[in-house]
């Protein structure tokens, strides 16, 4: 059985979604705008990542957590 955690955050719209696979996804959605300081902190952390060292499909919890999780990070 494969579990999908369809969570996302779009900083341009402020849309934060805990899950899209619930019976009523709107119950798990809100708007969150990051402060300039929070956005700068996240940007700084992303710059420190060595993105080329990660495989195309990254599962940080394989063998540690059940179910394991794949992460997708899109930065624009």
Protein backbone atom coordinates (compact mmCIF):
# COMPACT_ATOMS: atom_id res chain seq x y z
CA UNK A 1 0.00 0.00 0.00
CA UNK A 2 1.36 3.42 -0.95
CA UNK A 3 0.49 6.42 1.21
CA UNK A 4 0.49 9.88 -0.31
CA UNK A 5 0.71 12.94 1.89
CA UNK A 6 -0.42 15.63 -0.46
CA UNK A 7 0.70 18.62 1.57
CA UNK A 8 1.87 21.84 -0.03
CA UNK A 9 2.65 25.49 0.52
CA UNK A 10 2.76 28.22 -2.11
CA UNK A 11 4.40 31.35 -0.73
CA UNK A 12 3.20 33.49 -3.66
CA UNK A 13 -0.47 32.87 -2.82
CA UNK A 14 -0.10 31.94 0.86
CA UNK A 15 -2.04 28.70 0.24
CA UNK A 16 -1.14 26.04 2.83
CA UNK A 17 -2.70 22.60 2.36
CA UNK A 18 -2.28 19.83 4.90
CA UNK A 19 -3.77 17.16 2.64
CA UNK A 20 -5.61 17.00 -0.67
CA UNK A 21 -6.80 13.41 -0.32
CA UNK A 22 -9.33 13.96 2.49
CA UNK A 23 -13.07 13.66 1.94
CA UNK A 24 -13.32 17.47 2.20
CA UNK A 25 -9.87 18.97 1.48
CA UNK A 26 -11.12 22.50 2.20
CA UNK A 27 -11.15 21.59 5.90
CA UNK A 28 -7.37 21.20 5.72
CA UNK A 29 -6.53 24.41 3.89
CA UNK A 30 -5.61 27.88 5.15
CA UNK A 31 -3.74 31.00 4.09
CA UNK A 32 -0.33 31.73 5.56
CA UNK A 33 1.95 34.56 4.51
CA UNK A 34 5.51 34.35 5.78
CA UNK A 35 7.14 37.41 7.29
CA UNK A 36 10.18 38.78 5.46
CA UNK A 37 12.36 37.32 8.20
CA UNK A 38 10.79 33.85 7.86
CA UNK A 39 11.15 33.92 4.07
CA UNK A 40 14.78 35.01 4.35
CA UNK A 41 15.50 32.19 6.82
CA UNK A 42 13.98 29.59 4.49
CA UNK A 43 15.80 31.04 1.48
CA UNK A 44 19.06 30.90 3.40
CA UNK A 45 18.47 27.25 4.37
CA UNK A 46 17.66 26.34 0.76
CA UNK A 47 20.88 27.96 -0.44
CA UNK A 48 22.85 25.79 2.00
CA UNK A 49 21.42 22.55 0.57
CA UNK A 50 23.71 20.67 -1.77
CA UNK A 51 20.84 19.86 -4.13
CA UNK A 52 23.01 17.87 -6.55
CA UNK A 53 23.91 15.40 -3.81
CA UNK A 54 20.31 14.15 -3.54
CA UNK A 55 18.92 11.41 -5.80
CA UNK A 56 16.08 12.22 -8.21
CA UNK A 57 13.70 10.42 -5.85
CA UNK A 58 14.46 11.20 -2.22
CA UNK A 59 12.94 9.29 0.67
CA UNK A 60 14.46 10.53 3.95
CA UNK A 61 12.53 8.10 6.16
CA UNK A 62 13.11 4.81 4.30
CA UNK A 63 13.79 2.16 6.92
CA UNK A 64 13.01 4.57 9.75
CA UNK A 65 9.30 5.33 9.43
CA UNK A 66 6.31 3.46 8.11
CA UNK A 67 5.00 4.54 5.76
CA UNK A 68 8.10 6.08 4.25
CA UNK A 69 7.72 9.42 2.50
CA UNK A 70 8.98 10.93 -0.73
CA UNK A 71 9.58 14.66 -0.72
CA UNK A 72 9.25 17.01 -3.66
CA UNK A 73 10.75 20.47 -3.31
CA UNK A 74 10.05 23.09 -5.96
CA UNK A 75 11.72 26.47 -5.59
CA UNK A 76 11.20 29.37 -7.99
